[in-house]
Amino acid sequence: MSEVLEKYEKYSVELAALEDIYITSRYTPRVFEENEVKRLKSVIDEVVKCLGGPVGQGG
């Protein structure tokens, strides 16, 4: 199984939450707890690392 697919399966709930946050952020303000932000940020960091780093960074 590819590493990307493994990350998707491992973090499907967090990735769905990020999608919802992105879509609703235009319409509804939301306050996040620090632990929520840290958890989502760690998922983003792990997925970006898996994909080879930030776009435009030559990674």
C-alpha atoms as a PDB file:
ATOM      1  CA  MET A   1       0.000   0.000   0.000  1.00  0.00           C
ATOM      2  CA  SER A   2       1.356   3.436  -0.826  1.00  0.00           C
ATOM      3  CA  GLU A   3       2.436   5.762   1.948  1.00  0.00           C
ATOM      4  CA  VAL A   4      -0.087   8.393   0.823  1.00  0.00           C
ATOM      5  CA  LEU A   5      -2.967   5.921   1.038  1.00  0.00           C
ATOM      6  CA  GLU A   6      -1.795   4.811   4.475  1.00  0.00           C
ATOM      7  CA  LYS A   7      -1.799   8.431   5.691  1.00  0.00           C
ATOM      8  CA  TYR A   8      -5.250   8.984   4.220  1.00  0.00           C
ATOM      9  CA  GLU A   9      -6.645   5.947   6.002  1.00  0.00           C
ATOM     10  CA  LYS A  10      -4.884   6.813   9.263  1.00  0.00           C
ATOM     11  CA  TYR A  11      -6.049  10.442   9.254  1.00  0.00           C
ATOM     12  CA  SER A  12      -9.356  10.291   7.368  1.00  0.00           C
ATOM     13  CA  VAL A  13     -11.288  11.897  10.229  1.00  0.00           C
ATOM     14  CA  GLU A  14      -8.803  14.744  10.633  1.00  0.00           C
ATOM     15  CA  LEU A  15      -8.623  15.347   6.877  1.00  0.00           C
ATOM     16  CA  ALA A  16     -12.420  15.455   6.651  1.00  0.00           C
ATOM     17  CA  ALA A  17     -12.462  17.930   9.546  1.00  0.00           C
ATOM     18  CA  LEU A  18      -9.938  20.130   7.729  1.00  0.00           C
ATOM     19  CA  GLU A  19     -12.106  20.057   4.630  1.00  0.00           C
ATOM     20  CA  ASP A  20     -15.168  21.093   6.644  1.00  0.00           C
ATOM     21  CA  ILE A  21     -13.191  23.850   8.356  1.00  0.00           C
ATOM     22  CA  TYR A  22     -11.984  25.177   5.012  1.00  0.00           C
ATOM     23  CA  ILE A  23     -15.468  25.223   3.471  1.00  0.00           C
ATOM     24  CA  THR A  24     -17.327  26.687   6.442  1.00  0.00           C
ATOM     25  CA  SER A  25     -14.658  29.260   7.347  1.00  0.00           C
ATOM     26  CA  ARG A  26     -16.096  31.671   4.777  1.00  0.00           C
ATOM     27  CA  TYR A  27     -19.478  31.672   6.458  1.00  0.00           C
ATOM     28  CA  THR A  28     -19.124  30.804  10.127  1.00  0.00           C
ATOM     29  CA  PRO A  29     -16.386  31.901  12.503  1.00  0.00           C
ATOM     30  CA  ARG A  30     -15.150  29.191  14.823  1.00  0.00           C
ATOM     31  CA  VAL A  31     -12.942  29.204  17.891  1.00  0.00           C
ATOM     32  CA  PHE A  32     -10.582  26.259  18.256  1.00  0.00           C
ATOM     33  CA  GLU A  33      -9.043  24.790  21.349  1.00  0.00           C
ATOM     34  CA  GLU A  34      -5.263  24.708  21.388  1.00  0.00           C
ATOM     35  CA  ASN A  35      -5.191  20.900  21.429  1.00  0.00           C
ATOM     36  CA  GLU A  36      -7.400  20.790  18.286  1.00  0.00           C
ATOM     37  CA  VAL A  37      -5.034  23.097  16.429  1.00  0.00           C
ATOM     38  CA  LYS A  38      -1.964  21.136  17.522  1.00  0.00           C
ATOM     39  CA  ARG A  39      -3.531  17.828  16.447  1.00  0.00           C
ATOM     40  CA  LEU A  40      -4.588  19.112  13.017  1.00  0.00           C
ATOM     41  CA  LYS A  41      -1.229  20.848  12.502  1.00  0.00           C
ATOM     42  CA  SER A  42       0.637  17.608  13.248  1.00  0.00           C
ATOM     43  CA  VAL A  43      -1.530  15.763  10.702  1.00  0.00           C
ATOM     44  CA  ILE A  44      -0.843  18.446   8.079  1.00  0.00           C
ATOM     45  CA  ASP A  45       2.900  18.291   8.773  1.00  0.00           C
ATOM     46  CA  GLU A  46       2.946  14.501   8.437  1.00  0.00           C
ATOM     47  CA  VAL A  47       0.948  14.496   5.196  1.00  0.00           C
ATOM     48  CA  VAL A  48       3.072  17.285   3.653  1.00  0.00           C
ATOM     49  CA  LYS A  49       6.227  15.387   4.632  1.00  0.00           C
ATOM     50  CA  CYS A  50       4.811  12.246   3.001  1.00  0.00           C
ATOM     51  CA  LEU A  51       4.101  14.187  -0.198  1.00  0.00           C
ATOM     52  CA  GLY A  52       7.651  15.525  -0.380  1.00  0.00           C
ATOM     53  CA  GLY A  53       7.394  18.868   1.350  1.00  0.00           C
ATOM     54  CA  PRO A  54       5.760  22.193   0.584  1.00  0.00           C
ATOM     55  CA  VAL A  55       5.020  23.075  -3.019  1.00  0.00           C
ATOM     56  CA  GLY A  56       7.672  25.354  -4.487  1.00  0.00           C
ATOM     57  CA  GLN A  57      10.297  24.338  -1.949  1.00  0.00           C
ATOM     58  CA  GLY A  58      12.065  21.872  -4.233  1.00  0.00           C
ATOM     59  CA  GLY A  59      11.254  19.156  -1.697  1.00  0.00           C
END
